[in-house]
Protein backbone atom coordinates (compact mmCIF):
# COMPACT_ATOMS: atom_id res chain seq x y z
CA MET A 1 15.58 -3.87 -14.85
CA PRO A 2 12.89 -6.56 -14.52
CA LYS A 3 13.76 -9.64 -12.50
CA THR A 4 12.48 -13.19 -12.80
CA ILE A 5 11.35 -14.98 -9.65
CA THR A 6 10.09 -18.48 -8.96
CA LEU A 7 6.76 -18.79 -7.19
CA ARG A 8 5.46 -22.09 -5.86
CA ILE A 9 1.64 -22.27 -5.73
CA ASP A 10 -0.88 -25.09 -5.77
CA ASP A 11 -2.90 -26.01 -8.86
CA GLU A 12 -6.12 -24.49 -7.56
CA LEU A 13 -4.53 -21.09 -7.05
CA LEU A 14 -2.85 -21.26 -10.45
CA ASP A 15 -6.23 -21.95 -12.04
CA ARG A 16 -7.69 -18.93 -10.25
CA PHE A 17 -4.81 -16.77 -11.48
CA LYS A 18 -5.31 -18.02 -15.04
CA HIS A 19 -9.05 -17.38 -14.87
CA HIS A 20 -8.73 -13.80 -13.62
CA ALA A 21 -5.82 -13.01 -15.94
CA LYS A 22 -7.92 -14.16 -18.90
CA ILE A 23 -10.86 -12.00 -17.79
CA GLU A 24 -8.58 -8.95 -17.65
CA ASN A 25 -6.79 -9.94 -20.89
CA ARG A 26 -3.42 -10.08 -19.09
CA THR A 27 -0.61 -12.57 -18.79
CA ILE A 28 -0.51 -14.46 -15.50
CA SER A 29 2.70 -12.65 -14.62
CA ASN A 30 1.16 -9.25 -15.29
CA PHE A 31 -2.00 -10.16 -13.39
CA ILE A 32 -0.01 -11.20 -10.30
CA GLU A 33 2.14 -8.06 -10.49
CA THR A 34 -0.89 -5.77 -10.92
CA ALA A 35 -2.89 -7.46 -8.15
CA THR A 36 0.07 -7.25 -5.79
CA LEU A 37 0.62 -3.56 -6.54
CA ARG A 38 -3.09 -2.86 -5.94
CA TYR A 39 -2.89 -4.63 -2.59
CA ILE A 40 0.22 -2.68 -1.56
CA GLU A 41 -1.30 0.66 -2.59
CA GLU A 42 -4.53 -0.06 -0.71
CA SER A 43 -2.70 -1.14 2.43
CA GLU A 44 -0.40 1.91 2.42
CA LEU A 45 -3.07 4.54 1.84
CA VAL A 46 -6.10 5.60 3.84
CA ASP A 47 -9.50 5.69 2.21
CA GLU A 48 -11.50 8.89 1.77
CA PHE A 49 -13.66 8.28 4.87
CA GLU A 50 -10.67 7.68 7.11
CA MET A 51 -8.95 10.78 5.71
CA ALA A 52 -12.08 12.87 6.33
CA GLU A 53 -12.12 11.63 9.93
CA ILE A 54 -8.44 12.51 10.36
CA LEU A 55 -8.88 15.99 8.86
CA SER A 56 -11.91 16.72 11.05
CA ASN A 57 -9.93 15.98 14.24
CA GLU A 58 -8.58 19.43 15.10
CA LYS A 59 -6.59 18.20 18.10
CA LEU A 60 -4.82 15.59 15.96
CA ILE A 61 -4.06 18.09 13.18
CA LYS A 62 -2.56 20.51 15.70
CA ARG A 63 -0.35 17.76 17.16
CA LEU A 64 0.78 16.69 13.67
CA LYS A 65 1.68 20.28 12.76
CA ASN A 66 3.58 20.70 16.02
CA GLY A 67 5.42 17.45 15.38
CA SER A 68 6.34 18.52 11.85
CA GLY A 69 7.65 21.80 13.23
CA ASP A 70 9.75 19.92 15.77
CA VAL A 71 11.23 17.79 13.00
CA ARG A 72 12.14 20.85 10.93
CA LYS A 73 13.79 22.43 13.97
CA LYS A 74 15.45 19.12 14.90
CA ARG A 75 13.89 19.24 18.33
CA GLY A 76 13.12 16.21 20.44
CA ARG A 77 14.16 12.60 20.37
CA PHE A 78 13.48 10.49 17.35
CA VAL A 79 12.87 6.77 17.59
CA LYS A 80 14.13 4.59 14.77
CA ILE A 81 11.67 1.83 13.98
């Protein structure tokens, strides 16, 4: 269920939100939600170049596979972050 929140911002930032929301034909609320979701998705995912670098590192891939196997077999100590 959607929730309503209060957000305190200065007039200059509000004007920027209004401007960009109008360009994208969105409400200010929808623009802020969409922009925030884009930011979160970009910060949680790796880009294609970083992923290619990861996949080309055979030593890393082997260690990741070994670690996954250890998890499935419940071997080792696990650190809660």
